[in-house]
Amino acid sequence: MTSPSIPEAFGHNKPLFIADKIAKYNYRQFKRVADSTATWILNNHKLRKLIFYMSTFRERRTTTEATKKRNNITLDSSPTVLNKVLSFK
């Protein structure tokens, strides 16, 4: 049932072996495309800015809130916090 010229196919269906090889090849090709795209975006400031504005409102809001939390600035209505924010300028 298997070809003796393919040692990895020993004990397995040859079509399954071929499908596995094709799937692994496609995965490697896609991974290269995804990695190079990520590198391109990270190294190109204008492209990074464009992609930031292409994101959804919810994603931008999450990023903004995370930055606020990191800087310990909250914008609630208490006067002490508002004074802190206003004096931050």
C-alpha atoms as a PDB file:
ATOM      1  CA  MET A   1       0.000   0.000   0.000  1.00  0.00           C
ATOM      2  CA  THR A   2       2.894   2.401   0.631  1.00  0.00           C
ATOM      3  CA  SER A   3       5.839   3.134  -1.579  1.00  0.00           C
ATOM      4  CA  PRO A   4       9.147   1.779  -0.256  1.00  0.00           C
ATOM      5  CA  SER A   5      10.950   4.854  -1.681  1.00  0.00           C
ATOM      6  CA  ILE A   6       9.330   7.153   0.925  1.00  0.00           C
ATOM      7  CA  PRO A   7      10.556   6.098   4.381  1.00  0.00           C
ATOM      8  CA  GLU A   8       8.256   8.593   6.180  1.00  0.00           C
ATOM      9  CA  ALA A   9       5.226   6.995   4.527  1.00  0.00           C
ATOM     10  CA  PHE A  10       5.927   3.576   6.038  1.00  0.00           C
ATOM     11  CA  GLY A  11       2.754   2.328   7.689  1.00  0.00           C
ATOM     12  CA  HIS A  12       0.625   5.243   6.504  1.00  0.00           C
ATOM     13  CA  ASN A  13      -1.584   5.977   3.552  1.00  0.00           C
ATOM     14  CA  LYS A  14       0.401   7.564   0.749  1.00  0.00           C
ATOM     15  CA  PRO A  15      -2.393  10.113   0.006  1.00  0.00           C
ATOM     16  CA  LEU A  16      -2.402  11.105   3.685  1.00  0.00           C
ATOM     17  CA  PHE A  17       1.378  11.468   3.595  1.00  0.00           C
ATOM     18  CA  ILE A  18       1.195  13.659   0.475  1.00  0.00           C
ATOM     19  CA  ALA A  19      -1.619  15.792   1.944  1.00  0.00           C
ATOM     20  CA  ASP A  20       0.417  16.274   5.111  1.00  0.00           C
ATOM     21  CA  LYS A  21       3.458  17.414   3.110  1.00  0.00           C
ATOM     22  CA  ILE A  22       1.313  19.859   1.099  1.00  0.00           C
ATOM     23  CA  ALA A  23      -0.298  21.250   4.266  1.00  0.00           C
ATOM     24  CA  LYS A  24       3.104  21.766   5.907  1.00  0.00           C
ATOM     25  CA  TYR A  25       4.437  23.460   2.774  1.00  0.00           C
ATOM     26  CA  ASN A  26       1.446  25.844   2.643  1.00  0.00           C
ATOM     27  CA  TYR A  27       1.810  26.595   6.351  1.00  0.00           C
ATOM     28  CA  ARG A  28       5.497  27.479   5.924  1.00  0.00           C
ATOM     29  CA  GLN A  29       4.722  29.740   2.954  1.00  0.00           C
ATOM     30  CA  PHE A  30       1.917  31.532   4.807  1.00  0.00           C
ATOM     31  CA  LYS A  31       4.104  31.932   7.903  1.00  0.00           C
ATOM     32  CA  ARG A  32       6.808  33.592   5.787  1.00  0.00           C
ATOM     33  CA  VAL A  33       4.250  36.003   4.313  1.00  0.00           C
ATOM     34  CA  ALA A  34       2.793  36.833   7.741  1.00  0.00           C
ATOM     35  CA  ASP A  35       6.228  37.326   9.330  1.00  0.00           C
ATOM     36  CA  SER A  36       7.506  39.551   6.533  1.00  0.00           C
ATOM     37  CA  THR A  37       4.303  41.622   6.636  1.00  0.00           C
ATOM     38  CA  ALA A  38       4.687  42.099  10.394  1.00  0.00           C
ATOM     39  CA  THR A  39       8.308  43.177   9.959  1.00  0.00           C
ATOM     40  CA  TRP A  40       7.319  45.602   7.212  1.00  0.00           C
ATOM     41  CA  ILE A  41       4.599  47.159   9.378  1.00  0.00           C
ATOM     42  CA  LEU A  42       6.864  47.456  12.409  1.00  0.00           C
ATOM     43  CA  ASN A  43       9.670  49.103  10.421  1.00  0.00           C
ATOM     44  CA  ASN A  44       7.527  51.570   8.465  1.00  0.00           C
ATOM     45  CA  HIS A  45       6.205  54.386  10.661  1.00  0.00           C
ATOM     46  CA  LYS A  46       3.725  55.755   8.106  1.00  0.00           C
ATOM     47  CA  LEU A  47       2.281  52.310   7.469  1.00  0.00           C
ATOM     48  CA  ARG A  48       1.997  51.657  11.205  1.00  0.00           C
ATOM     49  CA  LYS A  49       0.116  54.937  11.615  1.00  0.00           C
ATOM     50  CA  LEU A  50      -2.232  54.071   8.749  1.00  0.00           C
ATOM     51  CA  ILE A  51      -2.988  50.653  10.208  1.00  0.00           C
ATOM     52  CA  PHE A  52      -3.660  52.224  13.612  1.00  0.00           C
ATOM     53  CA  TYR A  53      -6.357  54.397  12.061  1.00  0.00           C
ATOM     54  CA  MET A  54      -7.765  51.434  10.139  1.00  0.00           C
ATOM     55  CA  SER A  55      -8.433  49.566  13.377  1.00  0.00           C
ATOM     56  CA  THR A  56     -11.862  49.564  14.954  1.00  0.00           C
ATOM     57  CA  PHE A  57     -12.970  52.102  17.513  1.00  0.00           C
ATOM     58  CA  ARG A  58     -13.060  49.418  20.179  1.00  0.00           C
ATOM     59  CA  GLU A  59      -9.422  48.461  19.510  1.00  0.00           C
ATOM     60  CA  ARG A  60      -8.293  52.112  19.637  1.00  0.00           C
ATOM     61  CA  ARG A  61     -10.251  52.664  22.833  1.00  0.00           C
ATOM     62  CA  THR A  62      -8.599  49.617  24.411  1.00  0.00           C
ATOM     63  CA  THR A  63      -5.157  50.947  23.479  1.00  0.00           C
ATOM     64  CA  THR A  64      -5.978  54.390  24.846  1.00  0.00           C
ATOM     65  CA  GLU A  65      -7.337  52.986  28.101  1.00  0.00           C
ATOM     66  CA  ALA A  66      -4.272  50.776  28.541  1.00  0.00           C
ATOM     67  CA  THR A  67      -2.025  53.806  28.052  1.00  0.00           C
ATOM     68  CA  LYS A  68      -4.010  55.785  30.612  1.00  0.00           C
ATOM     69  CA  LYS A  69      -3.776  52.956  33.129  1.00  0.00           C
ATOM     70  CA  ARG A  70      -0.043  52.684  32.503  1.00  0.00           C
ATOM     71  CA  ASN A  71       0.326  56.421  33.215  1.00  0.00           C
ATOM     72  CA  ASN A  72      -2.115  56.303  36.172  1.00  0.00           C
ATOM     73  CA  ILE A  73      -4.360  59.002  34.702  1.00  0.00           C
ATOM     74  CA  THR A  74      -8.089  58.504  34.928  1.00  0.00           C
ATOM     75  CA  LEU A  75     -10.609  60.999  33.650  1.00  0.00           C
ATOM     76  CA  ASP A  76     -13.410  60.791  36.162  1.00  0.00           C
ATOM     77  CA  SER A  77     -15.204  63.860  37.469  1.00  0.00           C
ATOM     78  CA  SER A  78     -13.419  64.214  40.815  1.00  0.00           C
ATOM     79  CA  PRO A  79     -11.739  67.645  41.152  1.00  0.00           C
ATOM     80  CA  THR A  80      -8.385  66.273  42.338  1.00  0.00           C
ATOM     81  CA  VAL A  81      -7.981  64.089  39.274  1.00  0.00           C
ATOM     82  CA  LEU A  82      -9.100  66.892  36.941  1.00  0.00           C
ATOM     83  CA  ASN A  83      -6.624  69.266  38.577  1.00  0.00           C
ATOM     84  CA  LYS A  84      -3.900  66.671  38.188  1.00  0.00           C
ATOM     85  CA  VAL A  85      -4.718  66.274  34.494  1.00  0.00           C
ATOM     86  CA  LEU A  86      -4.959  70.021  33.901  1.00  0.00           C
ATOM     87  CA  SER A  87      -1.681  70.712  35.699  1.00  0.00           C
ATOM     88  CA  PHE A  88      -0.029  67.931  33.684  1.00  0.00           C
ATOM     89  CA  LYS A  89       0.190  70.254  30.648  1.00  0.00           C
END
